[in-house]
Amino acid sequence: MMKILKFTTNINCQGCIAKVTPFLNSADGIEHWEVDTANPQKILIVETNSLESDDVVAVLQKAGYKATALN
C-alpha cells in the first residue's frame, strides 16, 4: 500500500533539487517525490510503499540536506 510522507526541508532551489535527485531516485522504496520550493517550509512529498520517515531523512542527510517529518 502506497504511503505519502511529507517533510519540511532546506531544499530551496533548483540547484538543491538537482543535488538531491540522484540520492532520492536511487533510494529503494521511493516511487515518486517532489519538492514544493514555493512553500516557505520547502515541503518534500515522497510516495513509498516500504520506507519510513527516518529512512527518507537518512537519504537526505547523505545528500547534505535536512528534513523533518510532518505527521
PDB file of N, CA and C in Angstrom:
ATOM      1  N   MET A   1       0.837  -1.185   0.000  1.00  0.00           N
ATOM      2  CA  MET A   1       0.000   0.000   0.000  1.00  0.00           C
ATOM      3  C   MET A   1       0.883   1.250   0.000  1.00  0.00           C
ATOM      4  N   MET A   2       0.560   2.192  -0.865  1.00  0.00           N
ATOM      5  CA  MET A   2       1.376   3.401  -1.012  1.00  0.00           C
ATOM      6  C   MET A   2       1.141   4.354   0.157  1.00  0.00           C
ATOM      7  N   LYS A   3       2.237   4.848   0.711  1.00  0.00           N
ATOM      8  CA  LYS A   3       2.174   5.859   1.771  1.00  0.00           C
ATOM      9  C   LYS A   3       2.682   7.174   1.198  1.00  0.00           C
ATOM     10  N   ILE A   4       2.122   8.261   1.698  1.00  0.00           N
ATOM     11  CA  ILE A   4       2.603   9.597   1.355  1.00  0.00           C
ATOM     12  C   ILE A   4       3.280  10.159   2.608  1.00  0.00           C
ATOM     13  N   LEU A   5       4.568  10.461   2.487  1.00  0.00           N
ATOM     14  CA  LEU A   5       5.321  11.055   3.594  1.00  0.00           C
ATOM     15  C   LEU A   5       5.632  12.501   3.232  1.00  0.00           C
ATOM     16  N   LYS A   6       5.486  13.401   4.216  1.00  0.00           N
ATOM     17  CA  LYS A   6       5.767  14.816   3.978  1.00  0.00           C
ATOM     18  C   LYS A   6       6.807  15.305   4.969  1.00  0.00           C
ATOM     19  N   PHE A   7       7.677  16.188   4.473  1.00  0.00           N
ATOM     20  CA  PHE A   7       8.786  16.704   5.279  1.00  0.00           C
ATOM     21  C   PHE A   7       8.980  18.187   5.014  1.00  0.00           C
ATOM     22  N   THR A   8       9.418  18.912   6.043  1.00  0.00           N
ATOM     23  CA  THR A   8       9.967  20.242   5.794  1.00  0.00           C
ATOM     24  C   THR A   8      11.447  20.024   5.521  1.00  0.00           C
ATOM     25  N   THR A   9      12.012  20.821   4.597  1.00  0.00           N
ATOM     26  CA  THR A   9      13.410  20.620   4.213  1.00  0.00           C
ATOM     27  C   THR A   9      14.121  21.965   4.064  1.00  0.00           C
ATOM     28  N   ASN A  10      15.429  21.883   3.794  1.00  0.00           N
ATOM     29  CA  ASN A  10      16.201  23.068   3.421  1.00  0.00           C
ATOM     30  C   ASN A  10      16.604  22.978   1.944  1.00  0.00           C
ATOM     31  N   ILE A  11      15.780  22.300   1.149  1.00  0.00           N
ATOM     32  CA  ILE A  11      15.964  22.224  -0.309  1.00  0.00           C
ATOM     33  C   ILE A  11      15.235  23.431  -0.886  1.00  0.00           C
ATOM     34  N   ASN A  12      15.976  24.476  -1.248  1.00  0.00           N
ATOM     35  CA  ASN A  12      15.259  25.710  -1.563  1.00  0.00           C
ATOM     36  C   ASN A  12      15.430  26.251  -2.976  1.00  0.00           C
ATOM     37  N   CYS A  13      16.049  25.488  -3.874  1.00  0.00           N
ATOM     38  CA  CYS A  13      16.181  25.990  -5.240  1.00  0.00           C
ATOM     39  C   CYS A  13      16.357  24.828  -6.204  1.00  0.00           C
ATOM     40  N   GLN A  14      16.345  25.123  -7.488  1.00  0.00           N
ATOM     41  CA  GLN A  14      16.521  24.072  -8.494  1.00  0.00           C
ATOM     42  C   GLN A  14      17.890  23.411  -8.372  1.00  0.00           C
ATOM     43  N   GLY A  15      18.902  24.186  -7.990  1.00  0.00           N
ATOM     44  CA  GLY A  15      20.230  23.612  -7.795  1.00  0.00           C
ATOM     45  C   GLY A  15      20.235  22.583  -6.679  1.00  0.00           C
ATOM     46  N   CYS A  16      19.509  22.881  -5.599  1.00  0.00           N
ATOM     47  CA  CYS A  16      19.394  21.933  -4.478  1.00  0.00           C
ATOM     48  C   CYS A  16      18.669  20.669  -4.943  1.00  0.00           C
ATOM     49  N   ILE A  17      17.596  20.858  -5.704  1.00  0.00           N
ATOM     50  CA  ILE A  17      16.846  19.711  -6.212  1.00  0.00           C
ATOM     51  C   ILE A  17      17.751  18.843  -7.081  1.00  0.00           C
ATOM     52  N   ALA A  18      18.573  19.480  -7.903  1.00  0.00           N
ATOM     53  CA  ALA A  18      19.492  18.724  -8.761  1.00  0.00           C
ATOM     54  C   ALA A  18      20.469  17.891  -7.917  1.00  0.00           C
ATOM     55  N   LYS A  19      20.886  18.426  -6.767  1.00  0.00           N
ATOM     56  CA  LYS A  19      21.823  17.701  -5.899  1.00  0.00           C
ATOM     57  C   LYS A  19      21.168  16.497  -5.228  1.00  0.00           C
ATOM     58  N   VAL A  20      19.905  16.627  -4.821  1.00  0.00           N
ATOM     59  CA  VAL A  20      19.254  15.515  -4.104  1.00  0.00           C
ATOM     60  C   VAL A  20      18.657  14.476  -5.052  1.00  0.00           C
ATOM     61  N   THR A  21      18.439  14.857  -6.322  1.00  0.00           N
ATOM     62  CA  THR A  21      17.775  13.947  -7.267  1.00  0.00           C
ATOM     63  C   THR A  21      18.432  12.570  -7.356  1.00  0.00           C
ATOM     64  N   PRO A  22      19.766  12.476  -7.554  1.00  0.00           N
ATOM     65  CA  PRO A  22      20.333  11.122  -7.661  1.00  0.00           C
ATOM     66  C   PRO A  22      20.160  10.295  -6.395  1.00  0.00           C
ATOM     67  N   PHE A  23      20.182  10.946  -5.228  1.00  0.00           N
ATOM     68  CA  PHE A  23      20.019  10.225  -3.961  1.00  0.00           C
ATOM     69  C   PHE A  23      18.591   9.696  -3.829  1.00  0.00           C
ATOM     70  N   LEU A  24      17.606  10.559  -4.100  1.00  0.00           N
ATOM     71  CA  LEU A  24      16.213  10.145  -3.962  1.00  0.00           C
ATOM     72  C   LEU A  24      15.814   9.154  -5.055  1.00  0.00           C
ATOM     73  N   ASN A  25      16.310   9.369  -6.275  1.00  0.00           N
ATOM     74  CA  ASN A  25      15.954   8.470  -7.371  1.00  0.00           C
ATOM     75  C   ASN A  25      16.545   7.077  -7.188  1.00  0.00           C
ATOM     76  N   SER A  26      17.693   6.979  -6.527  1.00  0.00           N
ATOM     77  CA  SER A  26      18.334   5.671  -6.371  1.00  0.00           C
ATOM     78  C   SER A  26      17.924   4.976  -5.075  1.00  0.00           C
ATOM     79  N   ALA A  27      17.171   5.643  -4.215  1.00  0.00           N
ATOM     80  CA  ALA A  27      16.767   5.036  -2.942  1.00  0.00           C
ATOM     81  C   ALA A  27      15.701   3.967  -3.183  1.00  0.00           C
ATOM     82  N   ASP A  28      15.963   2.766  -2.712  1.00  0.00           N
ATOM     83  CA  ASP A  28      14.976   1.697  -2.839  1.00  0.00           C
ATOM     84  C   ASP A  28      13.726   2.077  -2.066  1.00  0.00           C
ATOM     85  N   GLY A  29      12.579   1.912  -2.692  1.00  0.00           N
ATOM     86  CA  GLY A  29      11.316   2.146  -1.993  1.00  0.00           C
ATOM     87  C   GLY A  29      10.669   3.473  -2.308  1.00  0.00           C
ATOM     88  N   ILE A  30      11.399   4.426  -2.896  1.00  0.00           N
ATOM     89  CA  ILE A  30      10.790   5.704  -3.260  1.00  0.00           C
ATOM     90  C   ILE A  30      10.213   5.571  -4.669  1.00  0.00           C
ATOM     91  N   GLU A  31       8.901   5.683  -4.762  1.00  0.00           N
ATOM     92  CA  GLU A  31       8.221   5.537  -6.051  1.00  0.00           C
ATOM     93  C   GLU A  31       8.149   6.878  -6.788  1.00  0.00           C
ATOM     94  N   HIS A  32       7.921   7.946  -6.032  1.00  0.00           N
ATOM     95  CA  HIS A  32       7.803   9.285  -6.618  1.00  0.00           C
ATOM     96  C   HIS A  32       8.110  10.293  -5.518  1.00  0.00           C
ATOM     97  N   TRP A  33       8.667  11.431  -5.911  1.00  0.00           N
ATOM     98  CA  TRP A  33       8.927  12.503  -4.935  1.00  0.00           C
ATOM     99  C   TRP A  33       8.886  13.839  -5.644  1.00  0.00           C
ATOM    100  N   GLU A  34       8.599  14.877  -4.871  1.00  0.00           N
ATOM    101  CA  GLU A  34       8.660  16.241  -5.398  1.00  0.00           C
ATOM    102  C   GLU A  34       8.849  17.205  -4.242  1.00  0.00           C
ATOM    103  N   VAL A  35       9.438  18.353  -4.553  1.00  0.00           N
ATOM    104  CA  VAL A  35       9.669  19.393  -3.552  1.00  0.00           C
ATOM    105  C   VAL A  35       8.915  20.640  -3.986  1.00  0.00           C
ATOM    106  N   ASP A  36       8.163  21.203  -3.059  1.00  0.00           N
ATOM    107  CA  ASP A  36       7.459  22.461  -3.322  1.00  0.00           C
ATOM    108  C   ASP A  36       8.331  23.605  -2.821  1.00  0.00           C
ATOM    109  N   THR A  37       9.206  24.130  -3.706  1.00  0.00           N
ATOM    110  CA  THR A  37      10.114  25.196  -3.284  1.00  0.00           C
ATOM    111  C   THR A  37       9.391  26.532  -3.134  1.00  0.00           C
ATOM    112  N   ALA A  38       8.160  26.638  -3.624  1.00  0.00           N
ATOM    113  CA  ALA A  38       7.388  27.867  -3.441  1.00  0.00           C
ATOM    114  C   ALA A  38       6.840  27.970  -2.023  1.00  0.00           C
ATOM    115  N   ASN A  39       6.699  26.841  -1.351  1.00  0.00           N
ATOM    116  CA  ASN A  39       6.215  26.829   0.027  1.00  0.00           C
ATOM    117  C   ASN A  39       7.348  27.265   0.945  1.00  0.00           C
ATOM    118  N   PRO A  40       7.077  28.155   1.906  1.00  0.00           N
ATOM    119  CA  PRO A  40       8.147  28.618   2.816  1.00  0.00           C
ATOM    120  C   PRO A  40       8.839  27.475   3.568  1.00  0.00           C
ATOM    121  N   GLN A  41       8.134  26.368   3.792  1.00  0.00           N
ATOM    122  CA  GLN A  41       8.731  25.236   4.504  1.00  0.00           C
ATOM    123  C   GLN A  41       9.426  24.250   3.562  1.00  0.00           C
ATOM    124  N   LYS A  42       9.417  24.543   2.249  1.00  0.00           N
ATOM    125  CA  LYS A  42      10.095  23.684   1.258  1.00  0.00           C
ATOM    126  C   LYS A  42       9.668  22.228   1.439  1.00  0.00           C
ATOM    127  N   ILE A  43       8.382  21.972   1.247  1.00  0.00           N
ATOM    128  CA  ILE A  43       7.793  20.666   1.538  1.00  0.00           C
ATOM    129  C   ILE A  43       8.237  19.612   0.520  1.00  0.00           C
ATOM    130  N   LEU A  44       8.788  18.527   1.036  1.00  0.00           N
ATOM    131  CA  LEU A  44       9.128  17.354   0.232  1.00  0.00           C
ATOM    132  C   LEU A  44       8.013  16.334   0.437  1.00  0.00           C
ATOM    133  N   ILE A  45       7.463  15.844  -0.673  1.00  0.00           N
ATOM    134  CA  ILE A  45       6.437  14.800  -0.625  1.00  0.00           C
ATOM    135  C   ILE A  45       7.041  13.555  -1.267  1.00  0.00           C
ATOM    136  N   VAL A  46       6.993  12.457  -0.542  1.00  0.00           N
ATOM    137  CA  VAL A  46       7.548  11.192  -1.009  1.00  0.00           C
ATOM    138  C   VAL A  46       6.442  10.139  -1.012  1.00  0.00           C
ATOM    139  N   GLU A  47       6.301   9.446  -2.142  1.00  0.00           N
ATOM    140  CA  GLU A  47       5.394   8.298  -2.212  1.00  0.00           C
ATOM    141  C   GLU A  47       6.242   7.045  -2.094  1.00  0.00           C
ATOM    142  N   THR A  48       5.892   6.191  -1.137  1.00  0.00           N
ATOM    143  CA  THR A  48       6.659   4.971  -0.892  1.00  0.00           C
ATOM    144  C   THR A  48       5.724   3.862  -0.443  1.00  0.00           C
ATOM    145  N   ASN A  49       6.127   2.627  -0.687  1.00  0.00           N
ATOM    146  CA  ASN A  49       5.352   1.524  -0.128  1.00  0.00           C
ATOM    147  C   ASN A  49       6.175   0.724   0.874  1.00  0.00           C
ATOM    148  N   SER A  50       7.397   1.177   1.170  1.00  0.00           N
ATOM    149  CA  SER A  50       8.218   0.403   2.096  1.00  0.00           C
ATOM    150  C   SER A  50       9.020   1.232   3.085  1.00  0.00           C
ATOM    151  N   LEU A  51       9.233   2.512   2.808  1.00  0.00           N
ATOM    152  CA  LEU A  51      10.105   3.309   3.675  1.00  0.00           C
ATOM    153  C   LEU A  51       9.333   4.011   4.785  1.00  0.00           C
ATOM    154  N   GLU A  52      10.055   4.308   5.857  1.00  0.00           N
ATOM    155  CA  GLU A  52       9.530   5.117   6.952  1.00  0.00           C
ATOM    156  C   GLU A  52      10.166   6.500   6.862  1.00  0.00           C
ATOM    157  N   SER A  53       9.627   7.434   7.606  1.00  0.00           N
ATOM    158  CA  SER A  53      10.142   8.810   7.588  1.00  0.00           C
ATOM    159  C   SER A  53      11.641   8.856   7.872  1.00  0.00           C
ATOM    160  N   ASP A  54      12.104   8.081   8.851  1.00  0.00           N
ATOM    161  CA  ASP A  54      13.523   8.087   9.216  1.00  0.00           C
ATOM    162  C   ASP A  54      14.411   7.679   8.041  1.00  0.00           C
ATOM    163  N   ASP A  55      13.911   6.764   7.203  1.00  0.00           N
ATOM    164  CA  ASP A  55      14.684   6.311   6.049  1.00  0.00           C
ATOM    165  C   ASP A  55      14.905   7.451   5.057  1.00  0.00           C
ATOM    166  N   VAL A  56      13.851   8.229   4.820  1.00  0.00           N
ATOM    167  CA  VAL A  56      13.942   9.343   3.873  1.00  0.00           C
ATOM    168  C   VAL A  56      14.851  10.434   4.437  1.00  0.00           C
ATOM    169  N   VAL A  57      14.733  10.703   5.734  1.00  0.00           N
ATOM    170  CA  VAL A  57      15.608  11.689   6.382  1.00  0.00           C
ATOM    171  C   VAL A  57      17.061  11.279   6.216  1.00  0.00           C
ATOM    172  N   ALA A  58      17.359   9.980   6.351  1.00  0.00           N
ATOM    173  CA  ALA A  58      18.731   9.486   6.211  1.00  0.00           C
ATOM    174  C   ALA A  58      19.244   9.679   4.783  1.00  0.00           C
ATOM    175  N   VAL A  59      18.397   9.450   3.797  1.00  0.00           N
ATOM    176  CA  VAL A  59      18.797   9.652   2.398  1.00  0.00           C
ATOM    177  C   VAL A  59      19.152  11.122   2.177  1.00  0.00           C
ATOM    178  N   LEU A  60      18.328  12.030   2.687  1.00  0.00           N
ATOM    179  CA  LEU A  60      18.603  13.457   2.505  1.00  0.00           C
ATOM    180  C   LEU A  60      19.871  13.877   3.243  1.00  0.00           C
ATOM    181  N   GLN A  61      20.124  13.285   4.411  1.00  0.00           N
ATOM    182  CA  GLN A  61      21.349  13.610   5.141  1.00  0.00           C
ATOM    183  C   GLN A  61      22.577  13.218   4.329  1.00  0.00           C
ATOM    184  N   LYS A  62      22.515  12.072   3.633  1.00  0.00           N
ATOM    185  CA  LYS A  62      23.629  11.648   2.776  1.00  0.00           C
ATOM    186  C   LYS A  62      23.870  12.669   1.666  1.00  0.00           C
ATOM    187  N   ALA A  63      22.781  13.303   1.216  1.00  0.00           N
ATOM    188  CA  ALA A  63      22.896  14.292   0.140  1.00  0.00           C
ATOM    189  C   ALA A  63      23.312  15.663   0.688  1.00  0.00           C
ATOM    190  N   GLY A  64      23.368  15.796   2.024  1.00  0.00           N
ATOM    191  CA  GLY A  64      23.788  17.052   2.633  1.00  0.00           C
ATOM    192  C   GLY A  64      22.653  18.002   2.974  1.00  0.00           C
ATOM    193  N   TYR A  65      21.437  17.454   3.085  1.00  0.00           N
ATOM    194  CA  TYR A  65      20.265  18.292   3.386  1.00  0.00           C
ATOM    195  C   TYR A  65      19.553  17.786   4.623  1.00  0.00           C
ATOM    196  N   LYS A  66      18.749  18.667   5.190  1.00  0.00           N
ATOM    197  CA  LYS A  66      17.968  18.340   6.386  1.00  0.00           C
ATOM    198  C   LYS A  66      16.518  18.139   6.003  1.00  0.00           C
ATOM    199  N   ALA A  67      15.856  17.243   6.736  1.00  0.00           N
ATOM    200  CA  ALA A  67      14.422  17.052   6.576  1.00  0.00           C
ATOM    201  C   ALA A  67      13.823  16.739   7.928  1.00  0.00           C
ATOM    202  N   THR A  68      12.634  17.241   8.159  1.00  0.00           N
ATOM    203  CA  THR A  68      11.885  16.942   9.382  1.00  0.00           C
ATOM    204  C   THR A  68      10.507  16.452   8.971  1.00  0.00           C
ATOM    205  N   ALA A  69      10.135  15.287   9.476  1.00  0.00           N
ATOM    206  CA  ALA A  69       8.854  14.685   9.095  1.00  0.00           C
ATOM    207  C   ALA A  69       7.691  15.523   9.612  1.00  0.00           C
ATOM    208  N   LEU A  70       6.681  15.675   8.761  1.00  0.00           N
ATOM    209  CA  LEU A  70       5.414  16.287   9.140  1.00  0.00           C
ATOM    210  C   LEU A  70       4.407  15.163   9.288  1.00  0.00           C
ATOM    211  N   ASN A  71       3.762  15.081  10.445  1.00  0.00           N
ATOM    212  CA  ASN A  71       2.791  13.987  10.621  1.00  0.00           C
ATOM    213  C   ASN A  71       1.391  14.500  10.771  1.00  0.00           C
TER     214      ASN A  71
END
